């Protein structure tokens, strides 16, 4: 499989759009979510991150 830079940049751009929309539409909710995350232990955050990575990889795999 060949690395497609244009596809990668589109996917990265979409991630930025989705993240930006959350901040633009719900700034108070995002601020509350961020402060809530600060109180969580590192292990819990790491597990959430690894779960998100696994879900993302699964979605990419299903799309191929």
PDB file of N, CA and C in Angstrom:
ATOM      1  N   UNK A   1       0.839  -1.174   0.000  1.00  0.00           N
ATOM      2  CA  UNK A   1       0.000   0.000   0.000  1.00  0.00           C
ATOM      3  C   UNK A   1       0.888   1.243   0.000  1.00  0.00           C
ATOM      4  N   UNK A   2       0.532   2.219  -0.822  1.00  0.00           N
ATOM      5  CA  UNK A   2       1.296   3.453  -0.948  1.00  0.00           C
ATOM      6  C   UNK A   2       0.692   4.523  -0.049  1.00  0.00           C
ATOM      7  N   UNK A   3       1.534   5.291   0.601  1.00  0.00           N
ATOM      8  CA  UNK A   3       1.068   6.379   1.457  1.00  0.00           C
ATOM      9  C   UNK A   3       0.525   7.503   0.586  1.00  0.00           C
ATOM     10  N   UNK A   4      -0.720   7.897   0.853  1.00  0.00           N
ATOM     11  CA  UNK A   4      -1.376   8.955   0.085  1.00  0.00           C
ATOM     12  C   UNK A   4      -1.388  10.224   0.935  1.00  0.00           C
ATOM     13  N   UNK A   5      -0.462  11.127   0.639  1.00  0.00           N
ATOM     14  CA  UNK A   5      -0.325  12.354   1.425  1.00  0.00           C
ATOM     15  C   UNK A   5      -1.581  13.213   1.352  1.00  0.00           C
ATOM     16  N   UNK A   6      -2.201  13.298   0.199  1.00  0.00           N
ATOM     17  CA  UNK A   6      -3.410  14.114   0.052  1.00  0.00           C
ATOM     18  C   UNK A   6      -4.537  13.575   0.929  1.00  0.00           C
ATOM     19  N   UNK A   7      -4.707  12.274   0.955  1.00  0.00           N
ATOM     20  CA  UNK A   7      -5.735  11.661   1.794  1.00  0.00           C
ATOM     21  C   UNK A   7      -5.436  11.897   3.271  1.00  0.00           C
ATOM     22  N   UNK A   8      -4.175  11.755   3.634  1.00  0.00           N
ATOM     23  CA  UNK A   8      -3.776  12.001   5.018  1.00  0.00           C
ATOM     24  C   UNK A   8      -4.092  13.437   5.432  1.00  0.00           C
ATOM     25  N   UNK A   9      -3.764  14.386   4.568  1.00  0.00           N
ATOM     26  CA  UNK A   9      -4.021  15.791   4.881  1.00  0.00           C
ATOM     27  C   UNK A   9      -5.521  16.081   4.968  1.00  0.00           C
ATOM     28  N   UNK A  10      -6.324  15.445   4.121  1.00  0.00           N
ATOM     29  CA  UNK A  10      -7.776  15.615   4.210  1.00  0.00           C
ATOM     30  C   UNK A  10      -8.309  15.068   5.528  1.00  0.00           C
ATOM     31  N   UNK A  11      -7.817  13.894   5.931  1.00  0.00           N
ATOM     32  CA  UNK A  11      -8.258  13.301   7.189  1.00  0.00           C
ATOM     33  C   UNK A  11      -7.838  14.166   8.379  1.00  0.00           C
ATOM     34  N   UNK A  12      -6.618  14.677   8.340  1.00  0.00           N
ATOM     35  CA  UNK A  12      -6.142  15.549   9.405  1.00  0.00           C
ATOM     36  C   UNK A  12      -6.966  16.832   9.450  1.00  0.00           C
ATOM     37  N   UNK A  13      -7.257  17.382   8.288  1.00  0.00           N
ATOM     38  CA  UNK A  13      -8.087  18.579   8.215  1.00  0.00           C
ATOM     39  C   UNK A  13      -9.473  18.337   8.777  1.00  0.00           C
ATOM     40  N   UNK A  14     -10.054  17.191   8.482  1.00  0.00           N
ATOM     41  CA  UNK A  14     -11.370  16.856   9.022  1.00  0.00           C
ATOM     42  C   UNK A  14     -11.324  16.746  10.543  1.00  0.00           C
ATOM     43  N   UNK A  15     -10.256  16.173  11.071  1.00  0.00           N
ATOM     44  CA  UNK A  15     -10.111  16.092  12.527  1.00  0.00           C
ATOM     45  C   UNK A  15     -10.059  17.493  13.139  1.00  0.00           C
ATOM     46  N   UNK A  16      -9.334  18.413  12.499  1.00  0.00           N
ATOM     47  CA  UNK A  16      -9.276  19.792  12.984  1.00  0.00           C
ATOM     48  C   UNK A  16     -10.647  20.459  12.911  1.00  0.00           C
ATOM     49  N   UNK A  17     -11.385  20.205  11.835  1.00  0.00           N
ATOM     50  CA  UNK A  17     -12.723  20.786  11.696  1.00  0.00           C
ATOM     51  C   UNK A  17     -13.636  20.302  12.817  1.00  0.00           C
ATOM     52  N   UNK A  18     -13.641  19.012  13.068  1.00  0.00           N
ATOM     53  CA  UNK A  18     -14.499  18.466  14.120  1.00  0.00           C
ATOM     54  C   UNK A  18     -14.118  19.000  15.498  1.00  0.00           C
ATOM     55  N   UNK A  19     -12.834  19.071  15.759  1.00  0.00           N
ATOM     56  CA  UNK A  19     -12.368  19.614  17.046  1.00  0.00           C
ATOM     57  C   UNK A  19     -12.742  21.087  17.162  1.00  0.00           C
ATOM     58  N   UNK A  20     -12.528  21.836  16.105  1.00  0.00           N
ATOM     59  CA  UNK A  20     -12.859  23.255  16.123  1.00  0.00           C
ATOM     60  C   UNK A  20     -14.349  23.501  16.294  1.00  0.00           C
ATOM     61  N   UNK A  21     -15.175  22.673  15.664  1.00  0.00           N
ATOM     62  CA  UNK A  21     -16.624  22.816  15.824  1.00  0.00           C
ATOM     63  C   UNK A  21     -17.053  22.632  17.273  1.00  0.00           C
ATOM     64  N   UNK A  22     -16.461  21.664  17.941  1.00  0.00           N
ATOM     65  CA  UNK A  22     -16.791  21.453  19.357  1.00  0.00           C
ATOM     66  C   UNK A  22     -16.494  22.705  20.171  1.00  0.00           C
ATOM     67  N   UNK A  23     -15.327  23.293  19.946  1.00  0.00           N
ATOM     68  CA  UNK A  23     -14.953  24.502  20.686  1.00  0.00           C
ATOM     69  C   UNK A  23     -15.805  25.694  20.275  1.00  0.00           C
ATOM     70  N   UNK A  24     -16.158  25.802  18.996  1.00  0.00           N
ATOM     71  CA  UNK A  24     -16.943  26.944  18.528  1.00  0.00           C
ATOM     72  C   UNK A  24     -18.394  26.868  18.997  1.00  0.00           C
ATOM     73  N   UNK A  25     -18.970  25.666  18.992  1.00  0.00           N
ATOM     74  CA  UNK A  25     -20.380  25.523  19.339  1.00  0.00           C
ATOM     75  C   UNK A  25     -20.631  25.372  20.833  1.00  0.00           C
ATOM     76  N   UNK A  26     -19.702  24.756  21.548  1.00  0.00           N
ATOM     77  CA  UNK A  26     -19.900  24.464  22.972  1.00  0.00           C
ATOM     78  C   UNK A  26     -18.679  24.836  23.808  1.00  0.00           C
ATOM     79  N   UNK A  27     -18.269  26.120  23.812  1.00  0.00           N
ATOM     80  CA  UNK A  27     -17.051  26.482  24.543  1.00  0.00           C
ATOM     81  C   UNK A  27     -17.156  26.206  26.049  1.00  0.00           C
ATOM     82  N   UNK A  28     -18.318  26.467  26.629  1.00  0.00           N
ATOM     83  CA  UNK A  28     -18.475  26.203  28.064  1.00  0.00           C
ATOM     84  C   UNK A  28     -18.401  24.728  28.385  1.00  0.00           C
ATOM     85  N   UNK A  29     -19.049  23.917  27.553  1.00  0.00           N
ATOM     86  CA  UNK A  29     -19.009  22.471  27.756  1.00  0.00           C
ATOM     87  C   UNK A  29     -17.613  21.905  27.571  1.00  0.00           C
ATOM     88  N   UNK A  30     -16.885  22.423  26.593  1.00  0.00           N
ATOM     89  CA  UNK A  30     -15.515  21.959  26.380  1.00  0.00           C
ATOM     90  C   UNK A  30     -14.623  22.355  27.547  1.00  0.00           C
ATOM     91  N   UNK A  31     -14.824  23.558  28.070  1.00  0.00           N
ATOM     92  CA  UNK A  31     -14.040  24.006  29.219  1.00  0.00           C
ATOM     93  C   UNK A  31     -14.322  23.109  30.426  1.00  0.00           C
ATOM     94  N   UNK A  32     -15.594  22.787  30.649  1.00  0.00           N
ATOM     95  CA  UNK A  32     -15.950  21.891  31.767  1.00  0.00           C
ATOM     96  C   UNK A  32     -15.348  20.505  31.556  1.00  0.00           C
ATOM     97  N   UNK A  33     -15.402  20.027  30.326  1.00  0.00           N
ATOM     98  CA  UNK A  33     -14.834  18.705  30.039  1.00  0.00           C
ATOM     99  C   UNK A  33     -13.331  18.690  30.300  1.00  0.00           C
ATOM    100  N   UNK A  34     -12.645  19.761  29.884  1.00  0.00           N
ATOM    101  CA  UNK A  34     -11.196  19.822  30.095  1.00  0.00           C
ATOM    102  C   UNK A  34     -10.863  19.870  31.587  1.00  0.00           C
ATOM    103  N   UNK A  35     -11.628  20.643  32.361  1.00  0.00           N
ATOM    104  CA  UNK A  35     -11.347  20.704  33.800  1.00  0.00           C
ATOM    105  C   UNK A  35     -11.653  19.369  34.471  1.00  0.00           C
ATOM    106  N   UNK A  36     -12.663  18.669  33.971  1.00  0.00           N
ATOM    107  CA  UNK A  36     -12.977  17.342  34.503  1.00  0.00           C
ATOM    108  C   UNK A  36     -11.841  16.360  34.194  1.00  0.00           C
ATOM    109  N   UNK A  37     -11.272  16.465  33.009  1.00  0.00           N
ATOM    110  CA  UNK A  37     -10.175  15.573  32.630  1.00  0.00           C
ATOM    111  C   UNK A  37      -8.936  15.792  33.492  1.00  0.00           C
ATOM    112  N   UNK A  38      -8.714  17.026  33.930  1.00  0.00           N
ATOM    113  CA  UNK A  38      -7.540  17.311  34.755  1.00  0.00           C
ATOM    114  C   UNK A  38      -7.572  16.558  36.081  1.00  0.00           C
ATOM    115  N   UNK A  39      -8.764  16.245  36.567  1.00  0.00           N
ATOM    116  CA  UNK A  39      -8.871  15.556  37.852  1.00  0.00           C
ATOM    117  C   UNK A  39      -8.774  14.038  37.718  1.00  0.00           C
ATOM    118  N   UNK A  40      -8.752  13.532  36.495  1.00  0.00           N
ATOM    119  CA  UNK A  40      -8.685  12.080  36.272  1.00  0.00           C
ATOM    120  C   UNK A  40      -7.258  11.571  36.404  1.00  0.00           C
ATOM    121  N   UNK A  41      -7.091  10.355  36.921  1.00  0.00           N
ATOM    122  CA  UNK A  41      -5.735   9.775  37.008  1.00  0.00           C
ATOM    123  C   UNK A  41      -5.182   9.479  35.610  1.00  0.00           C
ATOM    124  N   UNK A  42      -3.857   9.498  35.520  1.00  0.00           N
ATOM    125  CA  UNK A  42      -3.194   9.283  34.231  1.00  0.00           C
ATOM    126  C   UNK A  42      -3.559   7.952  33.599  1.00  0.00           C
ATOM    127  N   UNK A  43      -3.676   6.927  34.399  1.00  0.00           N
ATOM    128  CA  UNK A  43      -4.008   5.604  33.878  1.00  0.00           C
ATOM    129  C   UNK A  43      -5.351   5.595  33.175  1.00  0.00           C
ATOM    130  N   UNK A  44      -6.314   6.300  33.732  1.00  0.00           N
ATOM    131  CA  UNK A  44      -7.635   6.367  33.132  1.00  0.00           C
ATOM    132  C   UNK A  44      -7.595   7.136  31.807  1.00  0.00           C
ATOM    133  N   UNK A  45      -6.816   8.217  31.776  1.00  0.00           N
ATOM    134  CA  UNK A  45      -6.664   8.979  30.539  1.00  0.00           C
ATOM    135  C   UNK A  45      -5.948   8.155  29.473  1.00  0.00           C
ATOM    136  N   UNK A  46      -4.942   7.412  29.878  1.00  0.00           N
ATOM    137  CA  UNK A  46      -4.194   6.571  28.938  1.00  0.00           C
ATOM    138  C   UNK A  46      -5.108   5.504  28.342  1.00  0.00           C
ATOM    139  N   UNK A  47      -5.936   4.883  29.186  1.00  0.00           N
ATOM    140  CA  UNK A  47      -6.861   3.863  28.705  1.00  0.00           C
ATOM    141  C   UNK A  47      -7.866   4.466  27.732  1.00  0.00           C
ATOM    142  N   UNK A  48      -8.370   5.648  28.033  1.00  0.00           N
ATOM    143  CA  UNK A  48      -9.303   6.321  27.121  1.00  0.00           C
ATOM    144  C   UNK A  48      -8.613   6.634  25.795  1.00  0.00           C
ATOM    145  N   UNK A  49      -7.369   7.072  25.846  1.00  0.00           N
ATOM    146  CA  UNK A  49      -6.621   7.367  24.623  1.00  0.00           C
ATOM    147  C   UNK A  49      -6.381   6.121  23.789  1.00  0.00           C
ATOM    148  N   UNK A  50      -5.991   5.036  24.438  1.00  0.00           N
ATOM    149  CA  UNK A  50      -5.748   3.785  23.716  1.00  0.00           C
ATOM    150  C   UNK A  50      -7.039   3.237  23.122  1.00  0.00           C
ATOM    151  N   UNK A  51      -8.142   3.408  23.830  1.00  0.00           N
ATOM    152  CA  UNK A  51      -9.442   2.981  23.308  1.00  0.00           C
ATOM    153  C   UNK A  51      -9.816   3.796  22.079  1.00  0.00           C
ATOM    154  N   UNK A  52      -9.564   5.095  22.120  1.00  0.00           N
ATOM    155  CA  UNK A  52      -9.850   5.954  20.970  1.00  0.00           C
ATOM    156  C   UNK A  52      -8.976   5.572  19.780  1.00  0.00           C
ATOM    157  N   UNK A  53      -7.717   5.265  20.027  1.00  0.00           N
ATOM    158  CA  UNK A  53      -6.816   4.835  18.952  1.00  0.00           C
ATOM    159  C   UNK A  53      -7.320   3.535  18.332  1.00  0.00           C
ATOM    160  N   UNK A  54      -7.700   2.575  19.169  1.00  0.00           N
ATOM    161  CA  UNK A  54      -8.198   1.294  18.668  1.00  0.00           C
ATOM    162  C   UNK A  54      -9.477   1.482  17.852  1.00  0.00           C
ATOM    163  N   UNK A  55     -10.380   2.324  18.332  1.00  0.00           N
ATOM    164  CA  UNK A  55     -11.624   2.587  17.600  1.00  0.00           C
ATOM    165  C   UNK A  55     -11.320   3.261  16.267  1.00  0.00           C
ATOM    166  N   UNK A  56     -10.394   4.196  16.255  1.00  0.00           N
ATOM    167  CA  UNK A  56     -10.007   4.862  15.019  1.00  0.00           C
ATOM    168  C   UNK A  56      -9.395   3.910  14.022  1.00  0.00           C
ATOM    169  N   UNK A  57      -8.516   3.051  14.495  1.00  0.00           N
ATOM    170  CA  UNK A  57      -7.896   2.063  13.603  1.00  0.00           C
ATOM    171  C   UNK A  57      -8.933   1.104  13.037  1.00  0.00           C
ATOM    172  N   UNK A  58      -9.900   0.727  13.859  1.00  0.00           N
ATOM    173  CA  UNK A  58     -10.966  -0.147  13.397  1.00  0.00           C
ATOM    174  C   UNK A  58     -11.788   0.540  12.305  1.00  0.00           C
ATOM    175  N   UNK A  59     -12.122   1.807  12.512  1.00  0.00           N
ATOM    176  CA  UNK A  59     -12.873   2.548  11.503  1.00  0.00           C
ATOM    177  C   UNK A  59     -12.085   2.672  10.190  1.00  0.00           C
ATOM    178  N   UNK A  60     -10.799   2.948  10.302  1.00  0.00           N
ATOM    179  CA  UNK A  60      -9.957   3.036   9.095  1.00  0.00           C
ATOM    180  C   UNK A  60      -9.930   1.686   8.389  1.00  0.00           C
ATOM    181  N   UNK A  61      -9.792   0.635   9.139  1.00  0.00           N
ATOM    182  CA  UNK A  61      -9.745  -0.708   8.544  1.00  0.00           C
ATOM    183  C   UNK A  61     -11.065  -1.050   7.843  1.00  0.00           C
ATOM    184  N   UNK A  62     -12.181  -0.699   8.468  1.00  0.00           N
ATOM    185  CA  UNK A  62     -13.481  -0.988   7.877  1.00  0.00           C
ATOM    186  C   UNK A  62     -13.721  -0.182   6.608  1.00  0.00           C
ATOM    187  N   UNK A  63     -13.089   0.997   6.524  1.00  0.00           N
ATOM    188  CA  UNK A  63     -13.274   1.862   5.369  1.00  0.00           C
ATOM    189  C   UNK A  63     -12.457   1.405   4.156  1.00  0.00           C
ATOM    190  N   UNK A  64     -11.481   0.559   4.374  1.00  0.00           N
ATOM    191  CA  UNK A  64     -10.624   0.117   3.250  1.00  0.00           C
ATOM    192  C   UNK A  64     -11.259  -0.981   2.450  1.00  0.00           C
TER     193      UNK A  64
END
